[in-house]
Amino acid sequence: MKLAIVKLSALGDIVHAMVALQFIKQQFPSSEIDWLVEAPFAELLAHNPDIHRVLPIQLKALKKNPSQFIKQFTTLKHYQQQNYDLVIDAQGLLKSAITARLLSPQLAGFNAHSCREKAASWFYKTTIDAAYDTNTIDRNAKVLAEPLGFTISQHDIIAKQAFLFFAPPSVELSLHLHPKKKNIIFVIGSTWPSRNYPAAKFVTIAEGLQQHCLVVWGNQWEFDTATWMATQSKFIHVMPKLTLNDLKALIAHADLLIGNDTGPTHIAWGLNKPSITLFGPTPISRVYQTSINKVLKSSSIVNPYRLNKKDFSIADISEKNIIEMADQLLTA
């Protein structure tokens, strides 16, 4: 069987869908699974033994440079030559549905009540019911397994094998990891300011834990914030700029990750590494809580159909609670 999965973005969403790969391969050991993804995220999928080909595409870039349309269309036509037995759109957007339909008419995806954009369901030959307000990981598992005639249970997901892989990093990690203290990664940024736990409170956590805290960053604001944090605590170290491959390698070698509800934080779950995810304006149904993957949510009520970007309640989460939870995970 030749299968193509379409999950274009974003980082955390791709991680949440990738968990299904190992179970598909268990059911269909000889299958070839390709994955169509926005080019900036291709490195996240790299080196996974369950993926036959990573198929990069640059659809987001068309907004700024429409002249690239012919090039991207030609790329899709080239991918179409693989003659897929089935394509599954795990994104549920009109853009992803049209893109997936160009790969093959044998197309599955969410039904109209489960899509973010209902019109996407018009393109699917097979539709799957997975309510939009249910757990994100369960939704991805369902849309990727049911068109193939099997199910992935919650027990399966809890007992998953780590599914993110990496090549030797370009950064010498031994220069940044402490040989005697616990190495804790701080993920301080996200797509919205209201999803970010305050930098000053991260400093308080570092002072409370008194371990080796590594701040990762992806843009100038995050770098400037990380640099300020390092001036406030001797326990905080700013990492150099990392590629996605470097980031996977760093998280794999860490003892704990504490971060906002954002892609790099979810990588820890994909690597079976201890983590604490902090939630304010987004629902905790985006993650699975396990014995080593914990969440702390502010008291605000979240409507998963209409997220409130003005909800800054994440700042109300107590540093003390985070420190206590971190201590428990580090000593488990």
C-alpha atoms as a PDB file:
ATOM      1  CA  MET A   1       0.000   0.000   0.000  1.00  0.00           C
ATOM      2  CA  LYS A   2       1.184   3.469  -0.879  1.00  0.00           C
ATOM      3  CA  LEU A   3      -0.209   6.087   1.497  1.00  0.00           C
ATOM      4  CA  ALA A   4       0.272   9.848   1.593  1.00  0.00           C
ATOM      5  CA  ILE A   5      -0.515  11.893   4.694  1.00  0.00           C
ATOM      6  CA  VAL A   6      -1.189  15.610   4.290  1.00  0.00           C
ATOM      7  CA  LYS A   7      -0.471  17.590   7.438  1.00  0.00           C
ATOM      8  CA  LEU A   8       1.128  20.811   6.326  1.00  0.00           C
ATOM      9  CA  SER A   9       1.602  22.670   9.603  1.00  0.00           C
ATOM     10  CA  ALA A  10       2.116  23.740  12.345  1.00  0.00           C
ATOM     11  CA  LEU A  11       4.917  22.244  14.422  1.00  0.00           C
ATOM     12  CA  GLY A  12       2.827  20.965  17.318  1.00  0.00           C
ATOM     13  CA  ASP A  13       0.008  19.778  15.055  1.00  0.00           C
ATOM     14  CA  ILE A  14       2.456  17.701  13.028  1.00  0.00           C
ATOM     15  CA  VAL A  15       3.878  16.141  16.201  1.00  0.00           C
ATOM     16  CA  HIS A  16       0.365  15.240  17.365  1.00  0.00           C
ATOM     17  CA  ALA A  17      -0.377  13.512  14.052  1.00  0.00           C
ATOM     18  CA  MET A  18       2.947  11.670  13.802  1.00  0.00           C
ATOM     19  CA  VAL A  19       2.068   9.396  16.708  1.00  0.00           C
ATOM     20  CA  ALA A  20      -0.181   7.436  14.328  1.00  0.00           C
ATOM     21  CA  LEU A  21       2.715   6.349  12.115  1.00  0.00           C
ATOM     22  CA  GLN A  22       3.966   3.528  14.333  1.00  0.00           C
ATOM     23  CA  PHE A  23       0.490   2.017  14.569  1.00  0.00           C
ATOM     24  CA  ILE A  24      -0.095   2.208  10.817  1.00  0.00           C
ATOM     25  CA  LYS A  25       3.185   0.378  10.260  1.00  0.00           C
ATOM     26  CA  GLN A  26       2.208  -2.257  12.823  1.00  0.00           C
ATOM     27  CA  GLN A  27      -0.982  -2.918  10.849  1.00  0.00           C
ATOM     28  CA  PHE A  28       0.643  -2.612   7.414  1.00  0.00           C
ATOM     29  CA  PRO A  29       4.357  -3.447   7.757  1.00  0.00           C
ATOM     30  CA  SER A  30       5.048  -3.314   4.020  1.00  0.00           C
ATOM     31  CA  SER A  31       3.263  -0.004   3.443  1.00  0.00           C
ATOM     32  CA  GLU A  32       5.054   3.039   2.062  1.00  0.00           C
ATOM     33  CA  ILE A  33       4.019   6.203   3.880  1.00  0.00           C
ATOM     34  CA  ASP A  34       4.840   9.615   2.424  1.00  0.00           C
ATOM     35  CA  TRP A  35       4.101  12.894   4.212  1.00  0.00           C
ATOM     36  CA  LEU A  36       3.305  16.217   2.507  1.00  0.00           C
ATOM     37  CA  VAL A  37       4.395  19.140   4.691  1.00  0.00           C
ATOM     38  CA  GLU A  38       5.285  22.806   4.515  1.00  0.00           C
ATOM     39  CA  ALA A  39       9.020  22.957   3.776  1.00  0.00           C
ATOM     40  CA  PRO A  40      10.057  24.734   7.019  1.00  0.00           C
ATOM     41  CA  PHE A  41       8.726  21.754   9.032  1.00  0.00           C
ATOM     42  CA  ALA A  42      10.226  18.990   6.872  1.00  0.00           C
ATOM     43  CA  GLU A  43      13.155  18.559   9.249  1.00  0.00           C
ATOM     44  CA  LEU A  44      10.739  17.593  12.036  1.00  0.00           C
ATOM     45  CA  LEU A  45       9.736  14.511  10.026  1.00  0.00           C
ATOM     46  CA  ALA A  46      13.263  13.653   8.906  1.00  0.00           C
ATOM     47  CA  HIS A  47      14.952  10.382   9.942  1.00  0.00           C
ATOM     48  CA  ASN A  48      11.673   8.740  10.967  1.00  0.00           C
ATOM     49  CA  PRO A  49      11.945   5.065   9.913  1.00  0.00           C
ATOM     50  CA  ASP A  50       8.171   4.833   9.381  1.00  0.00           C
ATOM     51  CA  ILE A  51       8.186   7.574   6.709  1.00  0.00           C
ATOM     52  CA  HIS A  52       9.205   6.540   3.208  1.00  0.00           C
ATOM     53  CA  ARG A  53       9.428  10.046   1.749  1.00  0.00           C
ATOM     54  CA  VAL A  54       9.016  13.550   3.167  1.00  0.00           C
ATOM     55  CA  LEU A  55       7.358  15.700   0.492  1.00  0.00           C
ATOM     56  CA  PRO A  56       8.075  19.406   1.090  1.00  0.00           C
ATOM     57  CA  ILE A  57       5.811  22.071  -0.374  1.00  0.00           C
ATOM     58  CA  GLN A  58       5.749  25.858   0.015  1.00  0.00           C
ATOM     59  CA  LEU A  59       2.111  26.926  -0.041  1.00  0.00           C
ATOM     60  CA  LYS A  60       2.376  29.582   2.679  1.00  0.00           C
ATOM     61  CA  ALA A  61       5.064  31.354   0.671  1.00  0.00           C
ATOM     62  CA  LEU A  62       2.540  31.924  -2.132  1.00  0.00           C
ATOM     63  CA  LYS A  63       0.880  34.683  -0.098  1.00  0.00           C
ATOM     64  CA  LYS A  64       4.017  36.784  -0.369  1.00  0.00           C
ATOM     65  CA  ASN A  65       5.166  35.501  -3.739  1.00  0.00           C
ATOM     66  CA  PRO A  66       2.260  34.350  -5.968  1.00  0.00           C
ATOM     67  CA  SER A  67       4.656  34.021  -8.899  1.00  0.00           C
ATOM     68  CA  GLN A  68       5.793  30.711  -7.364  1.00  0.00           C
ATOM     69  CA  PHE A  69       2.385  29.117  -7.995  1.00  0.00           C
ATOM     70  CA  ILE A  70       3.472  27.284 -11.156  1.00  0.00           C
ATOM     71  CA  LYS A  71       6.544  25.924  -9.390  1.00  0.00           C
ATOM     72  CA  GLN A  72       4.522  24.574  -6.453  1.00  0.00           C
ATOM     73  CA  PHE A  73       1.850  23.144  -8.755  1.00  0.00           C
ATOM     74  CA  THR A  74       4.555  21.384 -10.757  1.00  0.00           C
ATOM     75  CA  THR A  75       5.976  19.967  -7.515  1.00  0.00           C
ATOM     76  CA  LEU A  76       2.554  18.554  -6.610  1.00  0.00           C
ATOM     77  CA  LYS A  77       2.135  17.042 -10.075  1.00  0.00           C
ATOM     78  CA  HIS A  78       5.503  15.357  -9.591  1.00  0.00           C
ATOM     79  CA  TYR A  79       4.379  13.908  -6.255  1.00  0.00           C
ATOM     80  CA  GLN A  80       1.152  12.746  -7.927  1.00  0.00           C
ATOM     81  CA  GLN A  81       3.190  10.343 -10.041  1.00  0.00           C
ATOM     82  CA  GLN A  82       3.618   8.099  -6.983  1.00  0.00           C
ATOM     83  CA  ASN A  83       0.077   6.774  -7.688  1.00  0.00           C
ATOM     84  CA  TYR A  84      -1.087   6.604  -4.080  1.00  0.00           C
ATOM     85  CA  ASP A  85      -3.652   4.014  -3.047  1.00  0.00           C
ATOM     86  CA  LEU A  86      -4.941   6.470  -0.459  1.00  0.00           C
ATOM     87  CA  VAL A  87      -4.305  10.053   0.638  1.00  0.00           C
ATOM     88  CA  ILE A  88      -5.447  11.250   4.072  1.00  0.00           C
ATOM     89  CA  ASP A  89      -5.822  14.956   4.794  1.00  0.00           C
ATOM     90  CA  ALA A  90      -5.293  15.303   8.548  1.00  0.00           C
ATOM     91  CA  GLN A  91      -5.441  19.118   8.401  1.00  0.00           C
ATOM     92  CA  GLY A  92      -9.083  19.783   7.557  1.00  0.00           C
ATOM     93  CA  LEU A  93      -8.555  23.063   5.726  1.00  0.00           C
ATOM     94  CA  LEU A  94      -9.719  23.995   2.244  1.00  0.00           C
ATOM     95  CA  LYS A  95      -6.093  24.546   1.243  1.00  0.00           C
ATOM     96  CA  SER A  96      -4.972  21.130   2.476  1.00  0.00           C
ATOM     97  CA  ALA A  97      -8.010  19.367   0.971  1.00  0.00           C
ATOM     98  CA  ILE A  98      -7.405  20.822  -2.491  1.00  0.00           C
ATOM     99  CA  THR A  99      -3.713  19.981  -2.235  1.00  0.00           C
ATOM    100  CA  ALA A 100      -4.483  16.422  -1.134  1.00  0.00           C
ATOM    101  CA  ARG A 101      -7.020  15.995  -3.964  1.00  0.00           C
ATOM    102  CA  LEU A 102      -4.295  16.872  -6.457  1.00  0.00           C
ATOM    103  CA  LEU A 103      -2.316  13.883  -5.182  1.00  0.00           C
ATOM    104  CA  SER A 104      -5.139  11.376  -5.646  1.00  0.00           C
ATOM    105  CA  PRO A 105      -8.943  11.111  -5.901  1.00  0.00           C
ATOM    106  CA  GLN A 106      -8.729   8.330  -3.281  1.00  0.00           C
ATOM    107  CA  LEU A 107      -8.950  10.862  -0.482  1.00  0.00           C
ATOM    108  CA  ALA A 108     -10.074  10.711   3.161  1.00  0.00           C
ATOM    109  CA  GLY A 109     -10.458  13.398   5.786  1.00  0.00           C
ATOM    110  CA  PHE A 110     -12.693  14.898   8.466  1.00  0.00           C
ATOM    111  CA  ASN A 111     -16.427  15.247   7.851  1.00  0.00           C
ATOM    112  CA  ALA A 112     -18.135  18.639   7.684  1.00  0.00           C
ATOM    113  CA  HIS A 113     -18.833  18.706  11.430  1.00  0.00           C
ATOM    114  CA  SER A 114     -15.190  17.933  12.287  1.00  0.00           C
ATOM    115  CA  CYS A 115     -13.306  20.223   9.881  1.00  0.00           C
ATOM    116  CA  ARG A 116     -12.022  23.660  10.764  1.00  0.00           C
ATOM    117  CA  GLU A 117     -13.289  24.667   7.325  1.00  0.00           C
ATOM    118  CA  LYS A 118     -16.434  22.707   6.385  1.00  0.00           C
ATOM    119  CA  ALA A 119     -15.880  23.126   2.639  1.00  0.00           C
ATOM    120  CA  ALA A 120     -12.778  20.936   2.925  1.00  0.00           C
ATOM    121  CA  SER A 121     -15.008  17.883   3.420  1.00  0.00           C
ATOM    122  CA  TRP A 122     -16.451  18.279  -0.089  1.00  0.00           C
ATOM    123  CA  PHE A 123     -13.191  16.961  -1.535  1.00  0.00           C
ATOM    124  CA  TYR A 124     -13.050  13.720   0.480  1.00  0.00           C
ATOM    125  CA  LYS A 125     -14.283  10.359  -0.808  1.00  0.00           C
ATOM    126  CA  THR A 126     -14.248   8.986   2.765  1.00  0.00           C
ATOM    127  CA  THR A 127     -15.079  11.173   5.762  1.00  0.00           C
ATOM    128  CA  ILE A 128     -14.374  10.614   9.447  1.00  0.00           C
ATOM    129  CA  ASP A 129     -16.373  11.964  12.380  1.00  0.00           C
ATOM    130  CA  ALA A 130     -14.032  13.342  15.063  1.00  0.00           C
ATOM    131  CA  ALA A 131     -15.549  16.297  16.894  1.00  0.00           C
ATOM    132  CA  TYR A 132     -13.407  19.415  16.709  1.00  0.00           C
ATOM    133  CA  ASP A 133     -13.600  20.061  20.472  1.00  0.00           C
ATOM    134  CA  THR A 134     -12.247  16.615  21.439  1.00  0.00           C
ATOM    135  CA  ASN A 135      -8.624  15.778  22.179  1.00  0.00           C
ATOM    136  CA  THR A 136      -6.384  16.876  19.301  1.00  0.00           C
ATOM    137  CA  ILE A 137      -4.227  13.756  19.419  1.00  0.00           C
ATOM    138  CA  ASP A 138      -7.262  11.450  19.435  1.00  0.00           C
ATOM    139  CA  ARG A 139      -8.663  13.343  16.422  1.00  0.00           C
ATOM    140  CA  ASN A 140      -5.454  12.875  14.466  1.00  0.00           C
ATOM    141  CA  ALA A 141      -5.247   9.201  15.383  1.00  0.00           C
ATOM    142  CA  LYS A 142      -8.841   8.640  14.297  1.00  0.00           C
ATOM    143  CA  VAL A 143      -8.622  10.380  10.922  1.00  0.00           C
ATOM    144  CA  LEU A 144      -5.372   8.550  10.108  1.00  0.00           C
ATOM    145  CA  ALA A 145      -6.460   5.075  11.258  1.00  0.00           C
ATOM    146  CA  GLU A 146     -10.157   4.687  10.450  1.00  0.00           C
ATOM    147  CA  PRO A 147      -9.814   5.096   6.651  1.00  0.00           C
ATOM    148  CA  LEU A 148      -7.386   2.151   6.874  1.00  0.00           C
ATOM    149  CA  GLY A 149      -9.887   0.007   8.777  1.00  0.00           C
ATOM    150  CA  PHE A 150      -8.463  -0.008  12.300  1.00  0.00           C
ATOM    151  CA  THR A 151      -8.471   2.068  15.474  1.00  0.00           C
ATOM    152  CA  ILE A 152      -5.801   3.530  17.713  1.00  0.00           C
ATOM    153  CA  SER A 153      -6.867   3.433  21.367  1.00  0.00           C
ATOM    154  CA  GLN A 154      -5.990   5.854  24.122  1.00  0.00           C
ATOM    155  CA  HIS A 155      -4.033   3.023  25.751  1.00  0.00           C
ATOM    156  CA  ASP A 156      -2.018   2.637  22.543  1.00  0.00           C
ATOM    157  CA  ILE A 157      -1.167   6.337  22.564  1.00  0.00           C
ATOM    158  CA  ILE A 158      -0.185   6.356  26.238  1.00  0.00           C
ATOM    159  CA  ALA A 159       2.112   3.360  25.622  1.00  0.00           C
ATOM    160  CA  LYS A 160       3.596   4.783  22.399  1.00  0.00           C
ATOM    161  CA  GLN A 161       7.234   4.516  21.417  1.00  0.00           C
ATOM    162  CA  ALA A 162       9.138   7.770  20.950  1.00  0.00           C
ATOM    163  CA  PHE A 163       8.651   8.798  17.335  1.00  0.00           C
ATOM    164  CA  LEU A 164      10.937  11.769  16.683  1.00  0.00           C
ATOM    165  CA  PHE A 165      14.425  11.079  15.358  1.00  0.00           C
ATOM    166  CA  PHE A 166      17.465  13.201  14.594  1.00  0.00           C
ATOM    167  CA  ALA A 167      20.890  13.233  13.008  1.00  0.00           C
ATOM    168  CA  PRO A 168      24.023  14.358  14.916  1.00  0.00           C
ATOM    169  CA  PRO A 169      23.319  17.994  15.836  1.00  0.00           C
ATOM    170  CA  SER A 170      25.244  20.914  14.375  1.00  0.00           C
ATOM    171  CA  VAL A 171      25.625  22.322  17.912  1.00  0.00           C
ATOM    172  CA  GLU A 172      28.009  20.593  20.349  1.00  0.00           C
ATOM    173  CA  LEU A 173      25.479  19.829  23.079  1.00  0.00           C
ATOM    174  CA  SER A 174      28.119  18.843  25.637  1.00  0.00           C
ATOM    175  CA  LEU A 175      29.160  22.503  25.769  1.00  0.00           C
ATOM    176  CA  HIS A 176      25.682  23.473  26.959  1.00  0.00           C
ATOM    177  CA  LEU A 177      24.497  20.535  29.059  1.00  0.00           C
ATOM    178  CA  HIS A 178      25.566  20.525  32.707  1.00  0.00           C
ATOM    179  CA  PRO A 179      27.314  17.280  33.761  1.00  0.00           C
ATOM    180  CA  LYS A 180      26.090  17.372  37.381  1.00  0.00           C
ATOM    181  CA  LYS A 181      22.879  19.397  37.506  1.00  0.00           C
ATOM    182  CA  LYS A 182      19.527  18.540  35.959  1.00  0.00           C
ATOM    183  CA  ASN A 183      19.156  20.087  32.510  1.00  0.00           C
ATOM    184  CA  ILE A 184      15.794  21.830  32.153  1.00  0.00           C
ATOM    185  CA  ILE A 185      14.632  23.433  28.897  1.00  0.00           C
ATOM    186  CA  PHE A 186      12.483  26.570  28.984  1.00  0.00           C
ATOM    187  CA  VAL A 187      10.259  27.243  25.954  1.00  0.00           C
ATOM    188  CA  ILE A 188       9.306  30.893  26.413  1.00  0.00           C
ATOM    189  CA  GLY A 189       7.665  31.866  23.099  1.00  0.00           C
ATOM    190  CA  SER A 190       4.597  30.948  21.059  1.00  0.00           C
ATOM    191  CA  THR A 191       2.419  32.357  18.298  1.00  0.00           C
ATOM    192  CA  TRP A 192       0.483  34.777  20.540  1.00  0.00           C
ATOM    193  CA  PRO A 193       1.697  36.974  23.430  1.00  0.00           C
ATOM    194  CA  SER A 194      -1.223  35.763  25.561  1.00  0.00           C
ATOM    195  CA  ARG A 195       0.082  32.185  25.367  1.00  0.00           C
ATOM    196  CA  ASN A 196       3.436  33.174  26.852  1.00  0.00           C
ATOM    197  CA  TYR A 197       4.167  32.640  30.521  1.00  0.00           C
ATOM    198  CA  PRO A 198       5.879  35.773  31.901  1.00  0.00           C
ATOM    199  CA  ALA A 199       9.667  35.807  31.604  1.00  0.00           C
ATOM    200  CA  ALA A 200      10.062  37.072  35.169  1.00  0.00           C
ATOM    201  CA  LYS A 201       8.156  34.033  36.433  1.00  0.00           C
ATOM    202  CA  PHE A 202      10.443  31.713  34.467  1.00  0.00           C
ATOM    203  CA  VAL A 203      13.311  33.396  36.320  1.00  0.00           C
ATOM    204  CA  THR A 204      11.592  32.681  39.643  1.00  0.00           C
ATOM    205  CA  ILE A 205      11.243  29.026  38.624  1.00  0.00           C
ATOM    206  CA  ALA A 206      14.943  28.821  37.752  1.00  0.00           C
ATOM    207  CA  GLU A 207      15.864  30.320  41.111  1.00  0.00           C
ATOM    208  CA  GLY A 208      13.555  27.906  42.886  1.00  0.00           C
ATOM    209  CA  LEU A 209      14.842  24.790  41.150  1.00  0.00           C
ATOM    210  CA  GLN A 210      18.527  25.810  41.164  1.00  0.00           C
ATOM    211  CA  GLN A 211      19.297  23.467  38.293  1.00  0.00           C
ATOM    212  CA  HIS A 212      20.697  24.185  34.809  1.00  0.00           C
ATOM    213  CA  CYS A 213      17.971  25.924  32.789  1.00  0.00           C
ATOM    214  CA  LEU A 214      18.415  26.208  29.017  1.00  0.00           C
ATOM    215  CA  VAL A 215      16.306  28.756  27.151  1.00  0.00           C
ATOM    216  CA  VAL A 216      15.588  28.005  23.486  1.00  0.00           C
ATOM    217  CA  TRP A 217      14.443  30.713  21.106  1.00  0.00           C
ATOM    218  CA  GLY A 218      13.338  31.186  17.516  1.00  0.00           C
ATOM    219  CA  ASN A 219      13.072  34.933  16.871  1.00  0.00           C
ATOM    220  CA  GLN A 220      14.570  38.223  17.994  1.00  0.00           C
ATOM    221  CA  TRP A 221      12.006  38.879  20.742  1.00  0.00           C
ATOM    222  CA  GLU A 222      12.602  35.446  22.238  1.00  0.00           C
ATOM    223  CA  PHE A 223      16.376  35.900  22.046  1.00  0.00           C
ATOM    224  CA  ASP A 224      16.201  39.308  23.727  1.00  0.00           C
ATOM    225  CA  THR A 225      13.900  37.906  26.423  1.00  0.00           C
ATOM    226  CA  ALA A 226      16.161  34.917  26.992  1.00  0.00           C
ATOM    227  CA  THR A 227      19.197  37.195  27.245  1.00  0.00           C
ATOM    228  CA  TRP A 228      17.436  39.328  29.860  1.00  0.00           C
ATOM    229  CA  MET A 229      16.454  36.206  31.808  1.00  0.00           C
ATOM    230  CA  ALA A 230      20.085  35.089  31.891  1.00  0.00           C
ATOM    231  CA  THR A 231      21.077  38.406  33.499  1.00  0.00           C
ATOM    232  CA  GLN A 232      18.561  37.758  36.278  1.00  0.00           C
ATOM    233  CA  SER A 233      19.642  34.251  37.284  1.00  0.00           C
ATOM    234  CA  LYS A 234      22.909  32.360  37.268  1.00  0.00           C
ATOM    235  CA  PHE A 235      20.902  29.175  36.678  1.00  0.00           C
ATOM    236  CA  ILE A 236      19.746  30.316  33.208  1.00  0.00           C
ATOM    237  CA  HIS A 237      21.763  29.692  30.049  1.00  0.00           C
ATOM    238  CA  VAL A 238      20.759  30.950  26.582  1.00  0.00           C
ATOM    239  CA  MET A 239      21.103  28.369  23.833  1.00  0.00           C
ATOM    240  CA  PRO A 240      22.473  29.349  20.429  1.00  0.00           C
ATOM    241  CA  LYS A 241      20.162  29.368  17.416  1.00  0.00           C
ATOM    242  CA  LEU A 242      19.005  25.780  16.820  1.00  0.00           C
ATOM    243  CA  THR A 243      17.694  23.960  13.789  1.00  0.00           C
ATOM    244  CA  LEU A 244      14.733  21.638  14.231  1.00  0.00           C
ATOM    245  CA  ASN A 245      17.172  18.716  14.169  1.00  0.00           C
ATOM    246  CA  ASP A 246      19.267  20.393  16.908  1.00  0.00           C
ATOM    247  CA  LEU A 247      16.146  21.086  18.957  1.00  0.00           C
ATOM    248  CA  LYS A 248      15.050  17.437  18.833  1.00  0.00           C
ATOM    249  CA  ALA A 249      18.543  16.345  19.891  1.00  0.00           C
ATOM    250  CA  LEU A 250      18.654  18.850  22.775  1.00  0.00           C
ATOM    251  CA  ILE A 251      15.235  17.849  24.123  1.00  0.00           C
ATOM    252  CA  ALA A 252      16.197  14.177  23.884  1.00  0.00           C
ATOM    253  CA  HIS A 253      19.167  14.854  26.174  1.00  0.00           C
ATOM    254  CA  ALA A 254      17.287  17.031  28.699  1.00  0.00           C
ATOM    255  CA  ASP A 255      15.814  15.939  32.016  1.00  0.00           C
ATOM    256  CA  LEU A 256      12.699  18.131  31.815  1.00  0.00           C
ATOM    257  CA  LEU A 257      11.022  20.699  29.564  1.00  0.00           C
ATOM    258  CA  ILE A 258       8.801  23.506  30.849  1.00  0.00           C
ATOM    259  CA  GLY A 259       7.035  25.589  28.237  1.00  0.00           C
ATOM    260  CA  ASN A 260       4.008  27.265  26.732  1.00  0.00           C
ATOM    261  CA  ASP A 261       1.442  25.441  24.609  1.00  0.00           C
ATOM    262  CA  THR A 262       3.533  25.500  21.434  1.00  0.00           C
ATOM    263  CA  GLY A 263       5.338  23.179  19.040  1.00  0.00           C
ATOM    264  CA  PRO A 264       8.746  22.831  20.753  1.00  0.00           C
ATOM    265  CA  THR A 265       7.014  21.935  24.021  1.00  0.00           C
ATOM    266  CA  HIS A 266       5.065  19.133  22.324  1.00  0.00           C
ATOM    267  CA  ILE A 267       8.303  17.680  20.945  1.00  0.00           C
ATOM    268  CA  ALA A 268       9.061  16.493  24.499  1.00  0.00           C
ATOM    269  CA  TRP A 269       5.892  14.359  24.435  1.00  0.00           C
ATOM    270  CA  GLY A 270       6.919  12.923  21.069  1.00  0.00           C
ATOM    271  CA  LEU A 271      10.304  11.983  22.527  1.00  0.00           C
ATOM    272  CA  ASN A 272       8.836  10.539  25.759  1.00  0.00           C
ATOM    273  CA  LYS A 273      10.666  13.161  27.817  1.00  0.00           C
ATOM    274  CA  PRO A 274       9.235  14.720  31.010  1.00  0.00           C
ATOM    275  CA  SER A 275       7.411  17.983  30.394  1.00  0.00           C
ATOM    276  CA  ILE A 276       5.147  20.596  31.941  1.00  0.00           C
ATOM    277  CA  THR A 277       2.942  22.462  29.463  1.00  0.00           C
ATOM    278  CA  LEU A 278       1.448  25.775  30.582  1.00  0.00           C
ATOM    279  CA  PHE A 279      -2.002  26.727  29.297  1.00  0.00           C
ATOM    280  CA  GLY A 280      -3.876  30.015  29.334  1.00  0.00           C
ATOM    281  CA  PRO A 281      -6.115  30.819  26.344  1.00  0.00           C
ATOM    282  CA  THR A 282      -5.890  27.370  24.717  1.00  0.00           C
ATOM    283  CA  PRO A 283      -7.565  24.088  25.789  1.00  0.00           C
ATOM    284  CA  ILE A 284      -5.636  21.341  27.547  1.00  0.00           C
ATOM    285  CA  SER A 285      -7.332  18.869  25.200  1.00  0.00           C
ATOM    286  CA  ARG A 286      -4.404  19.591  22.879  1.00  0.00           C
ATOM    287  CA  VAL A 287      -2.161  17.237  24.833  1.00  0.00           C
ATOM    288  CA  TYR A 288      -2.106  13.856  26.541  1.00  0.00           C
ATOM    289  CA  GLN A 289      -1.254  13.869  30.221  1.00  0.00           C
ATOM    290  CA  THR A 290       0.900  10.946  31.297  1.00  0.00           C
ATOM    291  CA  SER A 291       3.003  10.034  34.312  1.00  0.00           C
ATOM    292  CA  ILE A 292       5.793  12.236  32.920  1.00  0.00           C
ATOM    293  CA  ASN A 293       3.882  14.749  30.763  1.00  0.00           C
ATOM    294  CA  LYS A 294       1.915  17.153  32.935  1.00  0.00           C
ATOM    295  CA  VAL A 295      -0.081  20.336  32.352  1.00  0.00           C
ATOM    296  CA  LEU A 296      -0.997  23.373  34.398  1.00  0.00           C
ATOM    297  CA  LYS A 297      -3.942  25.491  33.265  1.00  0.00           C
ATOM    298  CA  SER A 298      -5.068  28.927  34.395  1.00  0.00           C
ATOM    299  CA  SER A 299      -8.615  29.310  35.717  1.00  0.00           C
ATOM    300  CA  SER A 300     -10.005  30.848  32.514  1.00  0.00           C
ATOM    301  CA  ILE A 301     -12.682  28.991  30.559  1.00  0.00           C
ATOM    302  CA  VAL A 302     -11.681  28.225  26.964  1.00  0.00           C
ATOM    303  CA  ASN A 303     -14.045  27.887  24.016  1.00  0.00           C
ATOM    304  CA  PRO A 304     -12.148  25.629  21.563  1.00  0.00           C
ATOM    305  CA  TYR A 305     -14.237  26.972  18.678  1.00  0.00           C
ATOM    306  CA  ARG A 306     -13.400  30.598  19.435  1.00  0.00           C
ATOM    307  CA  LEU A 307     -10.089  31.140  21.222  1.00  0.00           C
ATOM    308  CA  ASN A 308      -9.638  34.436  23.023  1.00  0.00           C
ATOM    309  CA  LYS A 309      -6.276  35.960  22.168  1.00  0.00           C
ATOM    310  CA  LYS A 310      -6.864  38.595  24.857  1.00  0.00           C
ATOM    311  CA  ASP A 311      -6.904  35.970  27.614  1.00  0.00           C
ATOM    312  CA  PHE A 312      -3.610  36.562  29.459  1.00  0.00           C
ATOM    313  CA  SER A 313      -4.588  34.370  32.404  1.00  0.00           C
ATOM    314  CA  ILE A 314      -1.539  32.131  31.890  1.00  0.00           C
ATOM    315  CA  ALA A 315       0.283  34.692  34.059  1.00  0.00           C
ATOM    316  CA  ASP A 316      -1.870  33.588  37.006  1.00  0.00           C
ATOM    317  CA  ILE A 317      -0.335  30.103  37.133  1.00  0.00           C
ATOM    318  CA  SER A 318       1.689  29.915  40.338  1.00  0.00           C
ATOM    319  CA  GLU A 319       5.462  29.570  40.082  1.00  0.00           C
ATOM    320  CA  LYS A 320       5.289  27.525  43.276  1.00  0.00           C
ATOM    321  CA  ASN A 321       3.014  24.963  41.624  1.00  0.00           C
ATOM    322  CA  ILE A 322       5.359  24.674  38.657  1.00  0.00           C
ATOM    323  CA  ILE A 323       8.402  24.258  40.925  1.00  0.00           C
ATOM    324  CA  GLU A 324       6.661  21.562  42.974  1.00  0.00           C
ATOM    325  CA  MET A 325       5.585  19.664  39.861  1.00  0.00           C
ATOM    326  CA  ALA A 326       9.071  19.979  38.358  1.00  0.00           C
ATOM    327  CA  ASP A 327      10.672  18.639  41.540  1.00  0.00           C
ATOM    328  CA  GLN A 328       8.348  15.628  41.458  1.00  0.00           C
ATOM    329  CA  LEU A 329       9.200  14.862  37.822  1.00  0.00           C
ATOM    330  CA  LEU A 330      12.936  15.311  38.375  1.00  0.00           C
ATOM    331  CA  THR A 331      12.988  12.954  41.349  1.00  0.00           C
ATOM    332  CA  ALA A 332      10.611  10.330  39.944  1.00  0.00           C
END
